[in-house]
Protein backbone atom coordinates (compact mmCIF):
# COMPACT_ATOMS: atom_id res chain seq x y z
CA MET A 1 -18.92 -20.20 18.83
CA ASP A 2 -22.54 -19.25 19.34
CA ILE A 3 -22.88 -15.51 19.43
CA ALA A 4 -26.25 -15.73 21.27
CA ALA A 5 -24.59 -17.68 24.09
CA LEU A 6 -21.75 -15.22 24.28
CA GLU A 7 -24.10 -12.25 24.22
CA LYS A 8 -26.09 -13.97 27.02
CA MET A 9 -22.93 -14.33 29.15
CA LEU A 10 -22.23 -10.65 28.54
CA ALA A 11 -25.80 -9.68 29.53
CA GLU A 12 -25.38 -11.76 32.72
CA GLY A 13 -22.48 -9.50 33.76
CA LYS A 14 -19.72 -11.97 32.98
CA GLU A 15 -17.78 -9.37 30.96
CA ASN A 16 -14.09 -9.69 30.53
CA ALA A 17 -11.50 -9.01 27.76
CA LEU A 18 -11.57 -12.66 26.51
CA LEU A 19 -15.37 -12.61 26.15
CA GLN A 20 -15.28 -9.28 24.35
CA GLN A 21 -12.47 -10.43 22.01
CA THR A 22 -14.29 -13.65 21.29
CA LEU A 23 -17.47 -11.76 20.48
CA GLY A 24 -15.62 -9.36 18.30
CA GLY A 25 -13.88 -12.18 16.43
CA GLU A 26 -17.21 -13.93 15.88
CA TYR A 27 -18.91 -10.80 14.55
CA LEU A 28 -15.96 -10.19 12.28
CA LYS A 29 -16.22 -13.71 10.87
CA GLN A 30 -19.86 -13.08 10.14
CA GLY A 31 -19.08 -9.92 8.35
CA ASP A 32 -20.38 -7.44 11.01
CA ALA A 33 -17.30 -5.34 11.38
CA ALA A 34 -19.19 -2.49 13.17
CA ARG A 35 -20.37 -4.79 16.07
CA ALA A 36 -16.94 -6.47 16.02
CA ALA A 37 -15.15 -3.12 16.44
CA GLU A 38 -17.38 -2.28 19.41
CA HIS A 39 -16.57 -5.44 21.20
CA LEU A 40 -12.87 -5.31 20.38
CA ALA A 41 -12.57 -1.68 21.48
CA ARG A 42 -14.04 -2.85 24.84
CA ALA A 43 -11.59 -5.80 24.99
CA VAL A 44 -8.49 -3.62 24.70
CA GLU A 45 -10.07 -1.11 27.18
CA LEU A 46 -10.47 -3.99 29.65
CA ALA A 47 -6.99 -5.49 29.01
CA ARG A 48 -4.55 -3.21 27.20
CA GLU A 49 -2.03 -6.02 27.07
CA TYR A 50 -4.22 -8.30 24.97
CA SER A 51 -2.29 -8.45 21.71
CA ALA A 52 -4.85 -10.65 19.91
CA ALA A 53 -7.61 -8.16 20.52
CA TRP A 54 -5.53 -5.33 19.12
CA LYS A 55 -4.92 -7.27 15.94
CA LEU A 56 -8.63 -8.09 15.44
CA TYR A 57 -9.60 -4.50 16.27
CA GLY A 58 -7.37 -3.20 13.47
CA LYS A 59 -8.86 -5.77 11.10
CA ALA A 60 -12.40 -4.63 12.00
CA LEU A 61 -11.61 -1.02 11.49
CA THR A 62 -9.94 -1.76 8.17
CA ALA A 63 -13.09 -3.64 7.07
CA LEU A 64 -15.00 -0.44 8.02
CA GLU A 65 -12.61 1.57 5.83
CA ARG A 66 -11.63 3.57 8.94
CA TYR A 67 -8.02 3.39 7.86
CA ASP A 68 -6.55 6.14 9.95
CA GLU A 69 -8.06 4.60 13.16
CA ALA A 70 -6.91 1.08 12.06
CA ALA A 71 -3.31 2.39 11.60
CA GLU A 72 -3.45 3.95 15.13
CA VAL A 73 -4.70 0.72 16.61
CA TYR A 74 -2.11 -1.36 14.76
CA ALA A 75 0.63 1.00 16.02
CA GLU A 76 -0.65 0.71 19.55
CA GLY A 77 -1.05 -3.07 19.25
CA ILE A 78 2.55 -3.41 17.96
CA ALA A 79 3.83 -1.42 20.95
CA VAL A 80 1.82 -3.63 23.34
CA ALA A 81 2.84 -6.89 21.66
CA GLU A 82 6.53 -5.83 21.69
CA GLU A 83 6.36 -4.94 25.40
CA ARG A 84 4.92 -8.34 26.17
CA GLY A 85 7.36 -10.16 23.92
CA ASP A 86 4.54 -11.29 21.62
CA ILE A 87 6.80 -11.24 18.54
CA GLN A 88 4.39 -13.05 16.17
CA ALA A 89 1.48 -10.67 16.80
CA ALA A 90 3.78 -7.64 16.49
CA LYS A 91 5.08 -8.99 13.18
CA GLU A 92 1.62 -9.62 11.84
CA MET A 93 0.37 -6.14 12.87
CA LYS A 94 3.46 -4.56 11.28
CA VAL A 95 2.46 -6.22 7.93
CA PHE A 96 -1.10 -5.01 8.26
CA LEU A 97 0.06 -1.54 9.06
CA LYS A 98 2.43 -1.46 6.06
CA ARG A 99 -0.37 -2.55 3.78
CA LEU A 100 -2.55 0.32 5.11
CA GLN A 101 0.21 2.84 4.63
CA LYS A 102 0.71 1.66 1.05
CA GLY A 103 -3.06 1.79 0.39
CA VAL A 104 -3.20 -2.01 -0.16
CA VAL A 105 -6.05 -3.25 1.95
């Protein structure tokens, strides 16, 4: 994905959870965890039920070494995923949360 094109869509007022999550994921791939976290925080704000955004948000916070926040985000993401029946996302976030709790990041 082209970040510039995604940012342009955002600037044009086409904001939605999917756009924010996609931008966050792209910034995370490029190693910009701070910008990723900003977009992912907005994605879950816009659509609390978006399991994929919670998972990436936790990853971004972990990359920023904001471990307590990442743990909180994973816990919330697990609850959301379980509410929605998104078993795979819940399972993955449980693994990430356990790693955080053990100090294995």
